[in-house]
N, C-alpha and C. Protein backbone atom coordinates (compact mmCIF):
# COMPACT_ATOMS: atom_id res chain seq x y z
N MET A 1 -8.78 -81.50 179.25
CA MET A 1 -8.13 -80.24 179.55
C MET A 1 -7.14 -79.89 178.44
N ASN A 2 -7.14 -78.64 178.02
CA ASN A 2 -6.23 -78.20 176.97
C ASN A 2 -4.81 -78.10 177.50
N GLU A 3 -3.89 -78.48 176.65
CA GLU A 3 -2.47 -78.28 176.98
C GLU A 3 -2.18 -76.79 176.86
N PRO A 4 -1.25 -76.28 177.67
CA PRO A 4 -0.89 -74.86 177.55
C PRO A 4 -0.46 -74.55 176.12
N GLY A 5 -0.82 -73.39 175.66
CA GLY A 5 -0.45 -72.96 174.32
C GLY A 5 0.88 -72.26 174.29
N HIS A 6 1.09 -71.55 173.24
CA HIS A 6 2.31 -70.79 173.03
C HIS A 6 2.12 -69.40 173.63
N ILE A 7 3.00 -68.99 174.51
CA ILE A 7 2.90 -67.67 175.12
C ILE A 7 3.45 -66.63 174.16
N LEU A 8 2.61 -65.63 173.85
CA LEU A 8 3.02 -64.50 173.02
C LEU A 8 2.96 -63.24 173.87
N SER A 9 3.94 -62.38 173.72
CA SER A 9 3.96 -61.15 174.49
C SER A 9 3.80 -59.96 173.56
N GLY A 10 3.42 -58.84 174.15
CA GLY A 10 3.24 -57.63 173.38
C GLY A 10 3.17 -56.43 174.29
N GLY A 11 2.96 -55.29 173.68
CA GLY A 11 2.87 -54.06 174.46
C GLY A 11 2.81 -52.85 173.56
N CYS A 12 2.93 -51.72 174.20
CA CYS A 12 2.82 -50.45 173.49
C CYS A 12 4.19 -49.97 173.01
N LEU A 13 4.16 -48.92 172.23
CA LEU A 13 5.37 -48.35 171.65
C LEU A 13 6.35 -47.83 172.71
N CYS A 14 5.83 -47.18 173.76
CA CYS A 14 6.73 -46.58 174.76
C CYS A 14 7.16 -47.55 175.85
N GLY A 15 6.54 -48.73 175.92
CA GLY A 15 6.92 -49.72 176.92
C GLY A 15 6.18 -49.61 178.24
N ALA A 16 5.27 -48.65 178.36
CA ALA A 16 4.53 -48.49 179.62
C ALA A 16 3.56 -49.64 179.88
N VAL A 17 3.06 -50.27 178.80
CA VAL A 17 2.12 -51.38 178.94
C VAL A 17 2.73 -52.63 178.31
N ARG A 18 2.67 -53.72 179.05
CA ARG A 18 3.12 -55.03 178.55
C ARG A 18 2.05 -56.06 178.90
N TYR A 19 1.87 -57.03 178.04
CA TYR A 19 0.90 -58.09 178.27
C TYR A 19 1.42 -59.38 177.66
N GLU A 20 0.73 -60.47 177.96
CA GLU A 20 1.00 -61.74 177.28
C GLU A 20 -0.32 -62.47 177.08
N ILE A 21 -0.33 -63.31 176.06
CA ILE A 21 -1.50 -64.15 175.81
C ILE A 21 -1.03 -65.59 175.70
N ASP A 22 -1.90 -66.47 176.14
CA ASP A 22 -1.71 -67.91 175.98
C ASP A 22 -2.39 -68.25 174.66
N TYR A 23 -1.62 -68.20 173.57
CA TYR A 23 -2.16 -68.36 172.23
C TYR A 23 -2.35 -69.84 171.93
N ARG A 24 -3.58 -70.20 171.56
CA ARG A 24 -3.90 -71.60 171.28
C ARG A 24 -4.43 -71.79 169.86
N GLY A 25 -3.95 -70.96 168.97
CA GLY A 25 -4.32 -71.13 167.57
C GLY A 25 -5.55 -70.36 167.13
N GLU A 26 -6.01 -69.42 167.94
CA GLU A 26 -7.15 -68.60 167.54
C GLU A 26 -6.83 -67.89 166.22
N GLU A 27 -7.87 -67.70 165.40
CA GLU A 27 -7.67 -67.10 164.09
C GLU A 27 -7.63 -65.58 164.15
N ALA A 28 -6.75 -65.01 163.38
CA ALA A 28 -6.62 -63.55 163.30
C ALA A 28 -7.32 -63.06 162.04
N SER A 29 -7.72 -61.79 162.08
CA SER A 29 -8.37 -61.19 160.92
C SER A 29 -7.90 -59.75 160.75
N LEU A 30 -8.17 -59.21 159.58
CA LEU A 30 -7.88 -57.81 159.29
C LEU A 30 -9.20 -57.08 159.13
N CYS A 31 -9.41 -56.05 159.96
CA CYS A 31 -10.67 -55.31 159.93
C CYS A 31 -10.50 -54.04 159.11
N HIS A 32 -11.43 -53.83 158.18
CA HIS A 32 -11.40 -52.68 157.29
C HIS A 32 -12.46 -51.63 157.64
N CYS A 33 -13.14 -51.78 158.78
CA CYS A 33 -14.19 -50.81 159.12
C CYS A 33 -13.58 -49.43 159.36
N ALA A 34 -14.41 -48.42 159.21
CA ALA A 34 -13.95 -47.03 159.35
C ALA A 34 -13.40 -46.74 160.74
N MET A 35 -14.00 -47.33 161.77
CA MET A 35 -13.50 -47.09 163.13
C MET A 35 -12.10 -47.64 163.31
N CYS A 36 -11.84 -48.83 162.80
CA CYS A 36 -10.51 -49.42 162.92
C CYS A 36 -9.49 -48.64 162.10
N ARG A 37 -9.90 -48.17 160.94
CA ARG A 37 -8.99 -47.35 160.13
C ARG A 37 -8.60 -46.10 160.90
N ARG A 38 -9.57 -45.44 161.50
CA ARG A 38 -9.27 -44.21 162.24
C ARG A 38 -8.42 -44.49 163.48
N GLN A 39 -8.74 -45.57 164.19
CA GLN A 39 -7.97 -45.92 165.39
C GLN A 39 -6.52 -46.24 165.06
N SER A 40 -6.31 -46.95 163.96
CA SER A 40 -4.95 -47.39 163.60
C SER A 40 -4.19 -46.32 162.82
N GLY A 41 -4.93 -45.44 162.15
CA GLY A 41 -4.27 -44.49 161.27
C GLY A 41 -3.82 -45.14 159.98
N GLY A 42 -4.29 -46.35 159.72
CA GLY A 42 -3.91 -47.09 158.52
C GLY A 42 -5.13 -47.54 157.74
N ALA A 43 -4.89 -48.38 156.75
CA ALA A 43 -5.96 -48.85 155.86
C ALA A 43 -6.80 -49.95 156.50
N PHE A 44 -6.28 -50.60 157.54
CA PHE A 44 -7.00 -51.66 158.25
C PHE A 44 -6.27 -51.93 159.56
N MET A 45 -6.86 -52.79 160.39
CA MET A 45 -6.27 -53.13 161.68
C MET A 45 -6.41 -54.63 161.90
N GLY A 46 -5.35 -55.26 162.36
CA GLY A 46 -5.37 -56.69 162.62
C GLY A 46 -5.73 -57.01 164.05
N PHE A 47 -6.50 -58.09 164.22
CA PHE A 47 -6.89 -58.57 165.55
C PHE A 47 -6.79 -60.08 165.63
N VAL A 48 -6.47 -60.56 166.82
CA VAL A 48 -6.66 -61.96 167.16
C VAL A 48 -7.48 -61.96 168.44
N THR A 49 -8.62 -62.62 168.41
CA THR A 49 -9.53 -62.62 169.56
C THR A 49 -9.29 -63.88 170.37
N VAL A 50 -8.98 -63.67 171.65
CA VAL A 50 -8.63 -64.78 172.55
C VAL A 50 -9.53 -64.74 173.79
N PRO A 51 -9.67 -65.89 174.46
CA PRO A 51 -10.41 -65.86 175.73
C PRO A 51 -9.73 -64.91 176.72
N ARG A 52 -10.53 -64.13 177.43
CA ARG A 52 -9.95 -63.19 178.40
C ARG A 52 -9.12 -63.90 179.45
N ALA A 53 -9.47 -65.14 179.75
CA ALA A 53 -8.69 -65.91 180.73
C ALA A 53 -7.28 -66.20 180.22
N HIS A 54 -7.05 -66.06 178.92
CA HIS A 54 -5.73 -66.33 178.34
C HIS A 54 -4.92 -65.05 178.12
N TYR A 55 -5.45 -63.94 178.60
CA TYR A 55 -4.81 -62.63 178.44
C TYR A 55 -4.40 -62.12 179.82
N ARG A 56 -3.14 -61.70 179.94
CA ARG A 56 -2.64 -61.18 181.22
C ARG A 56 -1.91 -59.86 181.01
N LEU A 57 -2.32 -58.87 181.76
CA LEU A 57 -1.63 -57.58 181.77
C LEU A 57 -0.45 -57.71 182.73
N LEU A 58 0.75 -57.47 182.22
CA LEU A 58 1.97 -57.64 183.02
C LEU A 58 2.49 -56.34 183.61
N LYS A 59 2.25 -55.24 182.91
CA LYS A 59 2.82 -53.96 183.32
C LYS A 59 1.93 -52.84 182.84
N GLY A 60 1.74 -51.84 183.68
CA GLY A 60 1.00 -50.65 183.30
C GLY A 60 -0.49 -50.84 183.35
N GLU A 61 -1.18 -49.89 182.77
CA GLU A 61 -2.64 -49.91 182.71
C GLU A 61 -3.09 -49.58 181.30
N ILE A 62 -4.20 -50.18 180.93
CA ILE A 62 -4.81 -49.88 179.64
C ILE A 62 -5.96 -48.91 179.87
N THR A 63 -5.99 -47.86 179.09
CA THR A 63 -7.07 -46.88 179.14
C THR A 63 -8.10 -47.28 178.10
N PHE A 64 -9.37 -47.24 178.49
CA PHE A 64 -10.44 -47.65 177.58
C PHE A 64 -11.29 -46.47 177.19
N ARG A 65 -11.77 -46.53 175.95
CA ARG A 65 -12.70 -45.54 175.43
C ARG A 65 -13.75 -46.27 174.61
N ARG A 66 -15.02 -45.99 174.91
CA ARG A 66 -16.09 -46.60 174.13
C ARG A 66 -16.09 -45.96 172.75
N SER A 67 -15.87 -46.78 171.72
CA SER A 67 -15.79 -46.25 170.37
C SER A 67 -17.09 -46.39 169.59
N SER A 68 -17.98 -47.22 170.11
CA SER A 68 -19.27 -47.42 169.44
C SER A 68 -20.21 -48.13 170.41
N ASP A 69 -21.42 -48.39 169.93
CA ASP A 69 -22.38 -49.13 170.75
C ASP A 69 -21.99 -50.60 170.92
N ILE A 70 -21.07 -51.08 170.11
CA ILE A 70 -20.73 -52.51 170.20
C ILE A 70 -19.49 -52.81 171.02
N GLY A 71 -18.71 -51.81 171.39
CA GLY A 71 -17.52 -52.14 172.15
C GLY A 71 -16.69 -50.95 172.57
N ARG A 72 -15.58 -51.28 173.20
CA ARG A 72 -14.64 -50.25 173.65
C ARG A 72 -13.23 -50.66 173.26
N ARG A 73 -12.39 -49.67 173.06
CA ARG A 73 -11.01 -49.89 172.63
C ARG A 73 -10.06 -49.52 173.76
N GLY A 74 -9.04 -50.34 173.91
CA GLY A 74 -8.05 -50.10 174.94
C GLY A 74 -6.72 -49.69 174.33
N PHE A 75 -6.07 -48.71 174.96
CA PHE A 75 -4.82 -48.18 174.43
C PHE A 75 -3.94 -47.70 175.57
N CYS A 76 -2.68 -47.46 175.27
CA CYS A 76 -1.76 -46.90 176.25
C CYS A 76 -2.04 -45.40 176.39
N ALA A 77 -2.23 -44.94 177.62
CA ALA A 77 -2.50 -43.52 177.85
C ALA A 77 -1.27 -42.66 177.59
N GLU A 78 -0.08 -43.25 177.63
CA GLU A 78 1.15 -42.49 177.43
C GLU A 78 1.47 -42.25 175.96
N CYS A 79 1.35 -43.31 175.14
CA CYS A 79 1.76 -43.17 173.73
C CYS A 79 0.62 -43.42 172.74
N ALA A 80 -0.56 -43.79 173.24
CA ALA A 80 -1.77 -44.00 172.44
C ALA A 80 -1.73 -45.23 171.54
N THR A 81 -0.80 -46.15 171.77
CA THR A 81 -0.78 -47.39 170.98
C THR A 81 -2.07 -48.16 171.20
N PRO A 82 -2.80 -48.52 170.13
CA PRO A 82 -3.98 -49.36 170.29
C PRO A 82 -3.56 -50.77 170.71
N LEU A 83 -4.25 -51.34 171.70
CA LEU A 83 -3.85 -52.63 172.25
C LEU A 83 -4.95 -53.69 172.19
N VAL A 84 -6.17 -53.33 172.56
CA VAL A 84 -7.24 -54.32 172.64
C VAL A 84 -8.57 -53.73 172.18
N MET A 85 -9.50 -54.62 171.88
CA MET A 85 -10.88 -54.25 171.57
C MET A 85 -11.77 -55.22 172.32
N ASP A 86 -12.63 -54.68 173.18
CA ASP A 86 -13.59 -55.50 173.92
C ASP A 86 -14.97 -55.25 173.34
N TYR A 87 -15.61 -56.34 172.90
CA TYR A 87 -16.93 -56.25 172.29
C TYR A 87 -18.01 -56.55 173.31
N ASN A 88 -19.10 -55.81 173.27
CA ASN A 88 -20.22 -56.04 174.19
C ASN A 88 -20.78 -57.45 174.05
N TYR A 89 -20.74 -58.01 172.87
CA TYR A 89 -21.34 -59.31 172.61
C TYR A 89 -20.38 -60.48 172.80
N GLU A 90 -19.18 -60.21 173.27
CA GLU A 90 -18.21 -61.28 173.54
C GLU A 90 -17.61 -61.06 174.93
N ASP A 91 -18.39 -61.33 175.95
CA ASP A 91 -17.96 -61.08 177.32
C ASP A 91 -16.73 -61.88 177.74
N GLU A 92 -16.56 -63.03 177.15
CA GLU A 92 -15.48 -63.92 177.58
C GLU A 92 -14.22 -63.81 176.72
N ARG A 93 -14.25 -62.93 175.70
CA ARG A 93 -13.10 -62.82 174.80
C ARG A 93 -12.70 -61.36 174.61
N THR A 94 -11.45 -61.17 174.23
CA THR A 94 -10.96 -59.83 173.93
C THR A 94 -10.14 -59.87 172.65
N GLY A 95 -10.25 -58.83 171.86
CA GLY A 95 -9.49 -58.74 170.61
C GLY A 95 -8.15 -58.06 170.86
N ILE A 96 -7.09 -58.77 170.58
CA ILE A 96 -5.74 -58.24 170.74
C ILE A 96 -5.31 -57.64 169.40
N VAL A 97 -4.82 -56.42 169.40
CA VAL A 97 -4.33 -55.79 168.17
C VAL A 97 -3.02 -56.48 167.79
N THR A 98 -3.02 -57.17 166.65
CA THR A 98 -1.85 -57.98 166.29
C THR A 98 -0.59 -57.14 166.11
N GLY A 99 -0.75 -55.89 165.69
CA GLY A 99 0.41 -55.03 165.53
C GLY A 99 1.09 -54.69 166.85
N SER A 100 0.43 -54.93 167.98
CA SER A 100 1.03 -54.67 169.29
C SER A 100 1.78 -55.88 169.83
N LEU A 101 1.70 -57.02 169.14
CA LEU A 101 2.45 -58.21 169.54
C LEU A 101 3.92 -58.03 169.21
N ASP A 102 4.78 -58.59 170.04
CA ASP A 102 6.21 -58.56 169.74
C ASP A 102 6.52 -59.34 168.47
N ASP A 103 5.74 -60.39 168.22
CA ASP A 103 5.92 -61.22 167.03
C ASP A 103 4.59 -61.37 166.30
N PRO A 104 4.16 -60.33 165.58
CA PRO A 104 2.88 -60.44 164.88
C PRO A 104 2.87 -61.51 163.79
N GLU A 105 4.04 -61.92 163.34
CA GLU A 105 4.12 -63.01 162.34
C GLU A 105 3.57 -64.33 162.90
N ALA A 106 3.49 -64.45 164.22
CA ALA A 106 3.01 -65.68 164.86
C ALA A 106 1.52 -65.89 164.67
N VAL A 107 0.78 -64.82 164.30
CA VAL A 107 -0.67 -64.93 164.14
C VAL A 107 -1.10 -64.33 162.80
N PRO A 108 -0.80 -65.01 161.71
CA PRO A 108 -1.17 -64.47 160.39
C PRO A 108 -2.69 -64.42 160.24
N PRO A 109 -3.19 -63.43 159.53
CA PRO A 109 -4.64 -63.33 159.35
C PRO A 109 -5.16 -64.45 158.45
N VAL A 110 -6.43 -64.81 158.69
CA VAL A 110 -7.09 -65.82 157.87
C VAL A 110 -8.25 -65.25 157.06
N LEU A 111 -8.63 -63.98 157.35
CA LEU A 111 -9.71 -63.36 156.58
C LEU A 111 -9.69 -61.85 156.72
N HIS A 112 -10.37 -61.21 155.78
CA HIS A 112 -10.61 -59.77 155.82
C HIS A 112 -12.05 -59.57 156.29
N TRP A 113 -12.25 -58.68 157.25
CA TRP A 113 -13.57 -58.43 157.83
C TRP A 113 -13.97 -56.98 157.57
N GLY A 114 -15.25 -56.76 157.39
CA GLY A 114 -15.74 -55.39 157.16
C GLY A 114 -15.36 -54.86 155.81
N VAL A 115 -15.33 -55.74 154.81
CA VAL A 115 -14.82 -55.35 153.50
C VAL A 115 -15.73 -54.38 152.74
N GLU A 116 -16.96 -54.18 153.23
CA GLU A 116 -17.80 -53.16 152.59
C GLU A 116 -17.20 -51.77 152.81
N SER A 117 -16.29 -51.64 153.77
CA SER A 117 -15.62 -50.37 154.04
C SER A 117 -14.17 -50.35 153.56
N MET A 118 -13.75 -51.39 152.88
CA MET A 118 -12.38 -51.47 152.38
C MET A 118 -12.10 -50.33 151.41
N LEU A 119 -10.98 -49.69 151.56
CA LEU A 119 -10.61 -48.58 150.69
C LEU A 119 -10.44 -49.05 149.24
N SER A 120 -10.99 -48.30 148.32
CA SER A 120 -10.99 -48.72 146.91
C SER A 120 -9.58 -48.83 146.34
N TRP A 121 -8.65 -48.03 146.84
CA TRP A 121 -7.29 -48.06 146.30
C TRP A 121 -6.42 -49.14 146.91
N LEU A 122 -6.93 -49.84 147.92
CA LEU A 122 -6.17 -50.91 148.56
C LEU A 122 -6.33 -52.18 147.74
N LYS A 123 -5.25 -52.65 147.17
CA LYS A 123 -5.28 -53.84 146.33
C LYS A 123 -4.47 -54.94 147.01
N LEU A 124 -5.18 -55.92 147.57
CA LEU A 124 -4.54 -57.04 148.25
C LEU A 124 -4.86 -58.32 147.50
N ASP A 125 -3.83 -59.01 147.10
CA ASP A 125 -4.00 -60.26 146.37
C ASP A 125 -3.48 -61.40 147.24
N ASP A 126 -4.05 -61.52 148.44
CA ASP A 126 -3.56 -62.53 149.38
C ASP A 126 -4.40 -63.80 149.39
N GLY A 127 -5.51 -63.81 148.65
CA GLY A 127 -6.33 -65.01 148.57
C GLY A 127 -7.16 -65.29 149.82
N LEU A 128 -7.16 -64.39 150.79
CA LEU A 128 -7.92 -64.62 152.01
C LEU A 128 -9.40 -64.33 151.76
N PRO A 129 -10.28 -65.07 152.44
CA PRO A 129 -11.72 -64.79 152.32
C PRO A 129 -12.04 -63.38 152.78
N ARG A 130 -13.11 -62.82 152.23
CA ARG A 130 -13.54 -61.46 152.55
C ARG A 130 -14.98 -61.51 153.05
N LEU A 131 -15.20 -60.93 154.22
CA LEU A 131 -16.49 -60.99 154.88
C LEU A 131 -16.99 -59.58 155.15
N THR A 132 -18.26 -59.32 154.82
CA THR A 132 -18.85 -58.04 155.21
C THR A 132 -19.33 -58.17 156.65
N THR A 133 -19.53 -57.04 157.30
CA THR A 133 -19.95 -57.09 158.70
C THR A 133 -21.26 -57.83 158.88
N ASP A 134 -22.21 -57.62 157.96
CA ASP A 134 -23.50 -58.29 158.14
C ASP A 134 -23.48 -59.77 157.77
N GLN A 135 -22.35 -60.28 157.29
CA GLN A 135 -22.19 -61.71 157.05
C GLN A 135 -21.65 -62.43 158.27
N ASP A 136 -21.26 -61.69 159.31
CA ASP A 136 -20.74 -62.27 160.54
C ASP A 136 -21.92 -62.52 161.48
N PRO A 137 -22.25 -63.79 161.76
CA PRO A 137 -23.45 -64.07 162.57
C PRO A 137 -23.40 -63.46 163.98
N GLU A 138 -22.24 -63.47 164.63
CA GLU A 138 -22.15 -62.91 165.99
C GLU A 138 -22.37 -61.40 165.95
N TYR A 139 -21.76 -60.73 165.00
CA TYR A 139 -21.91 -59.29 164.89
C TYR A 139 -23.35 -58.93 164.51
N ALA A 140 -23.89 -59.65 163.52
CA ALA A 140 -25.26 -59.38 163.08
C ALA A 140 -26.25 -59.55 164.23
N LYS A 141 -26.07 -60.59 165.02
CA LYS A 141 -26.95 -60.82 166.17
C LYS A 141 -26.80 -59.69 167.19
N ALA A 142 -25.57 -59.25 167.41
CA ALA A 142 -25.30 -58.21 168.40
C ALA A 142 -25.96 -56.89 168.04
N ILE A 143 -26.03 -56.58 166.75
CA ILE A 143 -26.62 -55.29 166.38
C ILE A 143 -28.05 -55.44 165.87
N GLY A 144 -28.58 -56.68 165.92
CA GLY A 144 -29.98 -56.89 165.58
C GLY A 144 -30.28 -56.98 164.10
N LEU A 145 -29.27 -57.32 163.29
CA LEU A 145 -29.52 -57.49 161.86
C LEU A 145 -30.16 -58.84 161.60
N HIS A 146 -31.05 -58.87 160.64
CA HIS A 146 -31.58 -60.15 160.18
C HIS A 146 -31.13 -60.34 158.75
N ASN A 147 -30.33 -61.37 158.54
CA ASN A 147 -29.84 -61.68 157.20
C ASN A 147 -30.13 -63.14 156.93
N PRO A 148 -31.03 -63.45 156.01
CA PRO A 148 -31.37 -64.85 155.74
C PRO A 148 -30.19 -65.66 155.21
N ASP A 149 -29.16 -65.01 154.71
CA ASP A 149 -27.99 -65.73 154.22
C ASP A 149 -27.04 -66.14 155.34
N VAL A 150 -27.24 -65.61 156.54
CA VAL A 150 -26.40 -65.93 157.68
C VAL A 150 -27.06 -67.04 158.48
N THR A 151 -26.32 -68.12 158.68
CA THR A 151 -26.87 -69.24 159.45
C THR A 151 -26.17 -69.40 160.75
């Protein structure tokens, strides 16, 4: 049995939604896909994906909108803060938007994802690995891609 992890809390800008996660060292990433850019209003969006059993909504309600065939995004209906991403191919996990954590420094990213959509003017010299969407085996399987380089 796993020992309890570190409890991290977060929520939206206006305070209507609050949540906590039992963080056990799951890896965070920065997504550069066009959908995440539009949702965040920035050049990329950070996520840490945790088991849904380790995520608890403490206050308010999250409004969901299907953003694509692969998942739906959850946000505060009052202030529109992006909070979560639920993927169709990950029934047992949910992606927490790291910018909605009270302490986003607690979950530093370990890779850049969706770099085929990375903005050309964005220059990051952080040394983190860079992965295209079709190099992610779970994503590729979910959308039916066949890539012989993915094992």
